[in-house]
Amino acid sequence: MTEHVSHVVVGGGVMGSAAAWQLARAGHDVVLLERFEPGHANGASHGASRIYRTTYSQPAYLDLAQEAFGLWRELERDAGLRADAVLTLTGGVSHGVPRRTEIGDALAARGIPHEWLRPEEAADRWPGLRFEGDVLHETATAGRVHADRAVAAFQSAARAHGADVRHGVHVRHVHPGTGSVRVVTDRGDLVAGTVVVAVGAWSAGLLGEAFPEPDGAAPLPSLVVTQEQPAHFALALGAPAEGTWPAFTHAPAEPHAWPSGVYGLATPGEGIKVGFHGVGPRTDPDRRTFRPEPGQLAQLQDYVRTWVPGADADRFVPVSCTYTTTPDHDFVLDRVGRVVIAAGFSGHGFKFAPSIGRVLAELAREDPDASPEAADRLFSLARFARGPVAQVPGRAG
């Protein structure tokens, strides 16, 4: 049997769930299809902690981050949750390679509250951390997003607005056609006016089949999927309580012993989450081991011993998740005809989810024969048509 619906969202992680919420609350008919059961740990949207912060210099990211702040609160209200159930403000600190003018000027221009501290001042405030160089303290607009609660809240609020949320449905193919898109699943076909594809580590397979020979204006990017392995470290004896820790990022000055910059934050009840950024082994999302790579795990322990004295480097629980990364570490938010593409969130997308959901919903409602307008050009597929994209350092958290 074939179903006919207005909009299908493929992928029930945080981005697809946010898109379904935005479509449903705008009064649109939407079906959300998720391959796995609720709360699964196969992708990049599980767990209890992601960093929320606005320490970006590019206007496109600042726009999304500032919009997301209010939308996280709207989601909490819409889902019937307390005001800090999804987004908890803790403050955030960034240190290491100086970007004082670049980031500071951007925050000042937006009126985002912040201050600069000397490393010794920061160490006095947060004795669980050591600091390198001047420290940017984002005082009122940084903290922690509870990932599992966020996904569940998007889906429950979407349902309340009439969305049909289905788990355990494996989408096999997406076939764009004239006037509609056919979505082939293991439980039958759906035909929709537009389809949003937000499947994370599975993007290349599903989209590559949908657009096997994209035209020169919109090539599909090369997406690298890695298995990342942060860990939750227990508090050291005498360390500050978890509730007093800020979210933190560190870009160590060269030369250094670490494979990348580092991010971290407290995860209540689990310890201090610390991780490298985008340097895990490449993986197939259907053939992951979920086992940490020993050498990199040892490096992470060494980092914690050196820079996070408030955590016990010898007592930890590894975490496994995926990154799906574009060559320039910027997202893909675009539309090709009736197919909306959300991909390549490169390890720093979760914080933006409700505003990205709004962008995806607007793309899905545009005239499919017109040029996409809802997303900033920074996130356009067209950038990959201009030749190879230079590799750039990633943004931790």
Protein backbone atom coordinates (compact mmCIF):
# COMPACT_ATOMS: atom_id res chain seq x y z
CA MET A 1 0.00 0.00 0.00
CA THR A 2 1.22 3.50 -0.83
CA GLU A 3 0.51 6.43 1.48
CA HIS A 4 0.24 10.00 0.24
CA VAL A 5 1.33 12.80 2.58
CA SER A 6 2.47 16.40 2.28
CA HIS A 7 5.85 16.11 3.98
CA VAL A 8 8.06 13.22 5.04
CA VAL A 9 11.08 13.67 7.29
CA VAL A 10 13.58 10.83 7.10
CA GLY A 11 15.67 10.56 10.25
CA GLY A 12 14.47 10.97 13.82
CA GLY A 13 17.67 12.30 15.34
CA VAL A 14 17.74 15.83 16.65
CA MET A 15 17.68 17.60 13.25
CA GLY A 16 14.91 15.54 11.70
CA SER A 17 12.87 15.70 14.90
CA ALA A 18 13.31 19.48 15.03
CA ALA A 19 12.17 19.78 11.41
CA ALA A 20 9.08 17.66 12.13
CA TRP A 21 8.26 19.85 15.14
CA GLN A 22 8.59 23.04 13.11
CA LEU A 23 6.47 21.68 10.27
CA ALA A 24 3.78 20.30 12.56
CA ARG A 25 3.45 23.39 14.73
CA ALA A 26 3.04 25.46 11.56
CA GLY A 27 0.01 23.30 10.75
CA HIS A 28 1.51 21.04 8.09
CA ASP A 29 0.90 17.34 7.50
CA VAL A 30 4.16 15.52 8.32
CA VAL A 31 5.34 11.96 8.86
CA LEU A 32 8.65 11.41 10.68
CA LEU A 33 10.40 8.10 9.93
CA GLU A 34 13.14 6.79 12.22
CA ARG A 35 14.95 3.53 11.59
CA PHE A 36 15.73 2.75 15.24
CA GLU A 37 13.72 2.66 18.44
CA PRO A 38 13.50 5.68 20.80
CA GLY A 39 16.63 6.40 22.82
CA HIS A 40 18.98 4.41 20.59
CA ALA A 41 22.75 5.07 20.62
CA ASN A 42 23.55 4.33 16.96
CA GLY A 43 23.96 7.87 15.69
CA ALA A 44 24.91 11.31 17.00
CA SER A 45 21.87 12.48 19.00
CA HIS A 46 22.01 10.36 22.15
CA GLY A 47 23.31 10.98 25.65
CA ALA A 48 22.76 13.63 28.27
CA SER A 49 25.04 16.51 27.31
CA ARG A 50 25.90 18.76 24.40
CA ILE A 51 27.44 22.23 24.57
CA TYR A 52 25.28 25.26 23.83
CA ARG A 53 27.27 28.45 23.15
CA THR A 54 27.36 31.42 20.81
CA THR A 55 31.14 31.83 20.46
CA TYR A 56 31.19 32.09 16.68
CA SER A 57 32.38 34.93 14.49
CA GLN A 58 30.42 34.16 11.31
CA PRO A 59 27.03 35.88 11.10
CA ALA A 60 25.26 32.78 9.77
CA TYR A 61 26.21 30.77 12.85
CA LEU A 62 25.50 33.60 15.26
CA ASP A 63 22.06 34.05 13.72
CA LEU A 64 21.24 30.37 14.22
CA ALA A 65 22.71 30.23 17.74
CA GLN A 66 20.87 33.28 19.00
CA GLU A 67 17.61 32.11 17.46
CA ALA A 68 18.10 28.67 19.00
CA PHE A 69 18.36 30.11 22.51
CA GLY A 70 14.76 31.28 22.44
CA LEU A 71 13.55 28.22 20.55
CA TRP A 72 14.97 25.83 23.15
CA ARG A 73 12.79 27.61 25.69
CA GLU A 74 9.80 27.44 23.33
CA LEU A 75 10.36 23.71 22.95
CA GLU A 76 10.43 23.20 26.71
CA ARG A 77 7.11 25.02 27.05
CA ASP A 78 5.58 23.23 24.08
CA ALA A 79 6.59 19.83 25.46
CA GLY A 80 5.32 20.66 28.96
CA LEU A 81 8.79 20.64 30.55
CA ARG A 82 10.31 22.93 33.17
CA ALA A 83 12.27 25.90 31.90
CA ASP A 84 15.73 24.29 32.18
CA ALA A 85 14.88 20.68 31.44
CA VAL A 86 16.52 20.74 28.00
CA LEU A 87 18.82 23.78 28.09
CA THR A 88 20.65 24.43 31.36
CA LEU A 89 22.76 27.57 31.56
CA THR A 90 26.17 27.06 33.17
CA GLY A 91 28.31 29.67 31.45
CA GLY A 92 31.06 28.71 29.06
CA VAL A 93 34.79 29.34 28.78
CA SER A 94 37.13 29.18 25.79
CA HIS A 95 40.92 29.37 25.99
CA GLY A 96 44.08 28.59 24.06
CA VAL A 97 44.97 29.97 20.64
CA PRO A 98 43.84 33.61 20.85
CA ARG A 99 40.86 34.70 18.75
CA ARG A 100 40.21 37.72 20.93
CA THR A 101 39.43 40.24 18.23
CA GLU A 102 37.56 37.87 15.95
CA ILE A 103 35.22 36.37 18.56
CA GLY A 104 35.13 39.26 21.00
CA ASP A 105 34.16 41.80 18.34
CA ALA A 106 31.41 39.50 17.06
CA LEU A 107 29.94 39.00 20.53
CA ALA A 108 30.20 42.70 21.35
CA ALA A 109 28.44 43.65 18.11
CA ARG A 110 25.55 41.35 19.04
CA GLY A 111 25.37 42.46 22.65
CA ILE A 112 26.14 38.95 23.90
CA PRO A 113 27.31 39.18 27.53
CA HIS A 114 30.92 38.10 27.95
CA GLU A 115 34.17 38.96 29.66
CA TRP A 116 37.86 38.25 29.28
CA LEU A 117 39.81 36.80 32.19
CA ARG A 118 43.49 36.21 32.83
CA PRO A 119 44.30 32.50 33.21
CA GLU A 120 44.97 32.85 36.92
CA GLU A 121 41.60 34.60 37.42
CA ALA A 122 39.82 31.80 35.56
CA ALA A 123 41.65 29.15 37.59
CA ASP A 124 40.52 30.81 40.81
CA ARG A 125 36.89 30.68 39.64
CA TRP A 126 37.02 27.18 38.17
CA PRO A 127 39.74 25.24 39.99
CA GLY A 128 38.78 22.05 38.18
CA LEU A 129 40.41 23.43 35.01
CA ARG A 130 43.79 24.82 33.97
CA PHE A 131 43.87 27.61 31.42
CA GLU A 132 46.14 28.70 28.59
CA GLY A 133 46.24 32.39 27.69
CA ASP A 134 43.31 34.79 27.93
CA VAL A 135 39.99 33.16 28.73
CA LEU A 136 36.70 34.14 27.09
CA HIS A 137 33.82 33.71 29.54
CA GLU A 138 30.38 33.65 27.94
CA THR A 139 28.43 34.55 31.05
CA ALA A 140 24.72 34.23 30.30
CA THR A 141 24.23 32.37 27.01
CA ALA A 142 26.21 29.15 27.30
CA GLY A 143 25.54 25.83 28.92
CA ARG A 144 24.38 22.28 28.38
CA VAL A 145 21.64 20.76 26.22
CA HIS A 146 20.29 17.40 27.40
CA ALA A 147 20.43 15.48 24.13
CA ASP A 148 18.04 12.62 24.89
CA ARG A 149 15.46 14.97 26.38
CA ALA A 150 15.77 17.29 23.40
CA VAL A 151 14.98 14.57 20.86
CA ALA A 152 12.11 13.22 22.96
CA ALA A 153 10.71 16.74 23.44
CA PHE A 154 10.82 17.54 19.72
CA GLN A 155 8.98 14.32 18.94
CA SER A 156 6.37 14.60 21.67
CA ALA A 157 5.65 18.24 20.80
CA ALA A 158 5.47 17.35 17.09
CA ARG A 159 2.96 14.61 17.90
CA ALA A 160 0.89 17.05 19.94
CA HIS A 161 0.68 19.25 16.84
CA GLY A 162 -0.47 16.33 14.68
CA ALA A 163 2.75 14.82 13.36
CA ASP A 164 2.89 11.07 12.78
CA VAL A 165 6.14 9.87 14.40
CA ARG A 166 7.14 6.31 13.50
CA HIS A 167 10.08 4.35 14.90
CA GLY A 168 11.46 1.10 13.59
CA VAL A 169 10.92 2.10 9.95
CA HIS A 170 13.96 1.60 7.71
CA VAL A 171 13.97 3.90 4.67
CA ARG A 172 15.60 2.01 1.83
CA HIS A 173 15.40 4.55 -1.00
CA VAL A 174 14.34 8.12 -1.77
CA HIS A 175 13.26 8.59 -5.39
CA PRO A 176 12.63 12.18 -6.56
CA GLY A 177 10.08 12.31 -9.36
CA THR A 178 7.91 14.74 -11.25
CA GLY A 179 5.62 16.45 -8.78
CA SER A 180 6.46 14.21 -5.81
CA VAL A 181 9.07 12.09 -4.04
CA ARG A 182 8.66 8.38 -3.37
CA VAL A 183 10.05 7.08 -0.08
CA VAL A 184 10.58 3.33 -0.08
CA THR A 185 10.64 1.68 3.36
CA ASP A 186 10.61 -1.83 4.76
CA ARG A 187 6.96 -1.23 5.66
CA GLY A 188 5.66 0.16 2.39
CA ASP A 189 5.99 3.28 0.26
CA LEU A 190 5.07 6.88 0.95
CA VAL A 191 4.64 9.56 -1.71
CA ALA A 192 5.20 13.12 -0.51
CA GLY A 193 5.25 16.62 -1.87
CA THR A 194 8.62 17.20 -0.20
CA VAL A 195 11.04 15.04 1.76
CA VAL A 196 13.55 16.22 4.34
CA VAL A 197 16.56 13.88 4.62
CA ALA A 198 18.38 14.22 7.95
CA VAL A 199 20.04 10.87 8.50
CA GLY A 200 23.47 11.83 9.83
CA ALA A 201 26.09 9.15 9.20
CA TRP A 202 23.81 7.45 6.65
CA SER A 203 23.55 10.58 4.46
CA ALA A 204 26.04 9.58 1.76
CA GLY A 205 24.34 6.27 1.04
CA LEU A 206 20.77 7.53 0.93
CA LEU A 207 21.49 10.81 -0.86
CA GLY A 208 24.06 9.32 -3.21
CA GLU A 209 21.42 6.97 -4.51
CA ALA A 210 18.80 9.72 -4.77
CA PHE A 211 21.18 11.96 -6.76
CA PRO A 212 23.67 9.62 -8.48
CA GLU A 213 24.70 12.21 -11.07
CA PRO A 214 24.06 15.64 -9.58
CA ASP A 215 24.37 18.55 -11.93
CA GLY A 216 27.24 21.01 -11.73
CA ALA A 217 25.28 23.46 -9.61
CA ALA A 218 24.67 21.10 -6.71
CA PRO A 219 27.15 18.25 -6.28
CA LEU A 220 26.89 16.14 -3.17
CA PRO A 221 29.85 16.77 -0.86
CA SER A 222 32.28 14.19 0.36
CA LEU A 223 31.09 13.33 3.86
CA VAL A 224 33.53 11.70 6.28
CA VAL A 225 31.98 9.57 9.03
CA THR A 226 34.11 8.99 12.11
CA GLN A 227 33.55 7.16 15.36
CA GLU A 228 34.35 9.65 18.10
CA GLN A 229 35.23 8.61 21.63
CA PRO A 230 34.88 11.19 24.36
CA ALA A 231 34.62 9.90 27.92
CA HIS A 232 32.95 10.77 31.19
CA PHE A 233 35.61 11.21 33.87
CA ALA A 234 34.79 10.93 37.56
CA LEU A 235 35.41 13.96 39.74
CA ALA A 236 38.79 13.99 41.47
CA LEU A 237 38.90 13.96 45.24
CA GLY A 238 38.04 17.45 46.51
CA ALA A 239 37.01 18.72 43.06
CA PRO A 240 34.20 21.27 42.65
CA ALA A 241 30.69 19.83 42.35
CA GLU A 242 29.43 19.05 38.83
CA GLY A 243 26.90 21.88 38.98
CA THR A 244 29.64 24.51 39.26
CA TRP A 245 31.54 23.57 36.08
CA PRO A 246 31.22 25.68 32.92
CA ALA A 247 31.17 24.23 29.45
CA PHE A 248 34.69 24.58 28.07
CA THR A 249 36.68 24.47 24.85
CA HIS A 250 40.46 24.58 24.48
CA ALA A 251 42.45 25.23 21.32
CA PRO A 252 46.02 24.38 22.44
CA ALA A 253 48.84 26.49 21.07
CA GLU A 254 51.22 24.70 18.73
CA PRO A 255 53.20 22.60 19.24
CA HIS A 256 51.12 20.33 21.45
CA ALA A 257 50.69 16.63 22.09
CA TRP A 258 46.99 16.32 21.31
CA PRO A 259 45.34 15.28 18.03
CA SER A 260 42.91 18.25 18.08
CA GLY A 261 41.29 20.86 20.22
CA VAL A 262 39.23 19.70 23.18
CA TYR A 263 35.73 20.30 24.48
CA GLY A 264 34.15 19.39 27.78
CA LEU A 265 31.28 19.94 30.17
CA ALA A 266 29.71 18.41 33.25
CA THR A 267 27.13 15.68 32.71
CA PRO A 268 25.15 15.48 35.97
CA GLY A 269 25.45 12.05 37.53
CA GLU A 270 28.05 10.90 34.99
CA GLY A 271 31.05 13.15 35.62
CA ILE A 272 32.96 15.51 33.37
CA LYS A 273 32.67 14.77 29.66
CA VAL A 274 35.90 15.50 27.77
CA GLY A 275 36.62 14.77 24.13
CA PHE A 276 38.81 15.48 21.14
CA HIS A 277 37.10 16.88 18.07
CA GLY A 278 36.67 15.03 14.79
CA VAL A 279 39.76 12.83 14.92
CA GLY A 280 38.25 9.39 15.52
CA PRO A 281 38.73 6.51 13.09
CA ARG A 282 36.63 6.47 9.93
CA THR A 283 33.71 4.10 10.19
CA ASP A 284 30.68 2.63 8.46
CA PRO A 285 27.66 3.46 10.65
CA ASP A 286 26.29 -0.06 10.15
CA ARG A 287 29.59 -1.73 11.08
CA ARG A 288 30.77 0.24 14.10
CA THR A 289 32.66 -1.46 16.89
CA PHE A 290 31.61 1.05 19.60
CA ARG A 291 35.00 0.26 21.15
CA PRO A 292 37.45 3.11 21.91
CA GLU A 293 40.75 3.20 20.07
CA PRO A 294 43.34 2.60 22.84
CA GLY A 295 45.98 5.06 21.67
CA GLN A 296 43.60 7.98 21.41
CA LEU A 297 41.95 7.09 24.71
CA ALA A 298 45.38 7.20 26.37
CA GLN A 299 45.96 10.65 24.84
CA LEU A 300 42.63 11.81 26.25
CA GLN A 301 43.64 10.58 29.70
CA ASP A 302 46.95 12.46 29.38
CA TYR A 303 45.06 15.60 28.41
CA VAL A 304 42.82 15.32 31.47
CA ARG A 305 45.83 14.83 33.74
CA THR A 306 47.43 17.97 32.30
CA TRP A 307 44.51 20.37 31.86
CA VAL A 308 41.55 19.09 33.93
CA PRO A 309 42.82 18.60 37.48
CA GLY A 310 39.27 18.39 38.79
CA ALA A 311 38.69 15.10 36.96
CA ASP A 312 40.23 11.72 37.71
CA ALA A 313 41.99 10.58 34.52
CA ASP A 314 42.00 6.96 35.69
CA ARG A 315 38.27 6.64 36.40
CA PHE A 316 36.20 7.05 33.27
CA VAL A 317 33.48 5.59 31.06
CA PRO A 318 34.07 5.89 27.29
CA VAL A 319 31.31 7.25 25.05
CA SER A 320 30.82 6.35 21.37
CA CYS A 321 29.12 8.56 18.80
CA THR A 322 29.50 9.50 15.14
CA TYR A 323 30.58 12.70 13.43
CA THR A 324 29.58 13.35 9.82
CA THR A 325 31.92 16.02 8.51
CA THR A 326 32.07 18.10 5.35
CA PRO A 327 35.44 19.20 3.88
CA ASP A 328 35.03 22.74 5.28
CA HIS A 329 33.26 21.70 8.51
CA ASP A 330 30.25 23.84 7.60
CA PHE A 331 26.79 22.30 7.41
CA VAL A 332 24.73 21.39 4.37
CA LEU A 333 21.25 22.96 4.56
CA ASP A 334 19.81 23.05 1.05
CA ARG A 335 17.12 21.78 -1.26
CA VAL A 336 17.35 19.98 -4.59
CA GLY A 337 13.89 20.18 -6.11
CA ARG A 338 11.57 18.48 -3.63
CA VAL A 339 14.31 16.97 -1.46
CA VAL A 340 15.63 19.00 1.47
CA ILE A 341 19.11 18.00 2.61
CA ALA A 342 20.44 18.36 6.16
CA ALA A 343 23.89 16.85 6.56
CA GLY A 344 27.47 17.30 7.73
CA PHE A 345 26.95 18.81 11.16
CA SER A 346 30.63 18.14 11.84
CA GLY A 347 30.41 17.74 15.60
CA HIS A 348 29.09 21.22 16.40
CA GLY A 349 25.49 21.20 15.17
CA PHE A 350 23.37 20.03 18.10
CA LYS A 351 23.16 23.45 19.79
CA PHE A 352 21.47 24.90 16.69
CA ALA A 353 18.84 22.17 16.30
CA PRO A 354 15.60 24.14 16.81
CA SER A 355 16.68 26.92 14.46
CA ILE A 356 17.99 24.42 11.91
CA GLY A 357 14.60 22.70 12.16
CA ARG A 358 12.98 26.02 11.27
CA VAL A 359 15.27 26.41 8.24
CA LEU A 360 14.50 22.87 7.05
CA ALA A 361 10.77 23.41 7.48
CA GLU A 362 10.94 26.62 5.43
CA LEU A 363 12.95 24.89 2.70
CA ALA A 364 10.30 22.15 2.61
CA ARG A 365 7.55 24.72 2.10
CA GLU A 366 9.28 26.62 -0.71
CA ASP A 367 8.35 26.34 -4.36
CA PRO A 368 10.27 23.20 -5.43
CA ASP A 369 10.95 24.71 -8.85
CA ALA A 370 12.48 27.90 -7.44
CA SER A 371 15.95 28.45 -6.02
CA PRO A 372 16.25 27.69 -2.29
CA GLU A 373 16.14 30.82 -0.15
CA ALA A 374 15.59 29.79 3.48
CA ALA A 375 19.17 28.76 4.25
CA ASP A 376 22.24 30.99 4.28
CA ARG A 377 24.55 30.52 1.28
CA LEU A 378 27.30 29.39 3.65
CA PHE A 379 25.42 26.09 3.87
CA SER A 380 24.62 25.72 0.18
CA LEU A 381 25.56 22.72 -1.92
CA ALA A 382 26.70 25.19 -4.58
CA ARG A 383 29.94 25.80 -2.70
CA PHE A 384 31.09 22.31 -3.68
CA ALA A 385 30.54 23.09 -7.36
CA ARG A 386 33.37 25.61 -7.31
CA GLY A 387 36.03 22.94 -7.05
CA PRO A 388 37.77 21.30 -4.10
CA VAL A 389 36.94 22.85 -0.76
CA ALA A 390 39.93 23.55 1.47
CA GLN A 391 40.12 21.54 4.68
CA VAL A 392 39.75 23.82 7.69
CA PRO A 393 40.10 23.20 11.42
CA GLY A 394 36.89 22.08 13.09
CA ARG A 395 34.92 23.84 15.81
CA ALA A 396 34.88 21.77 18.95
CA GLY A 397 31.43 21.60 20.51
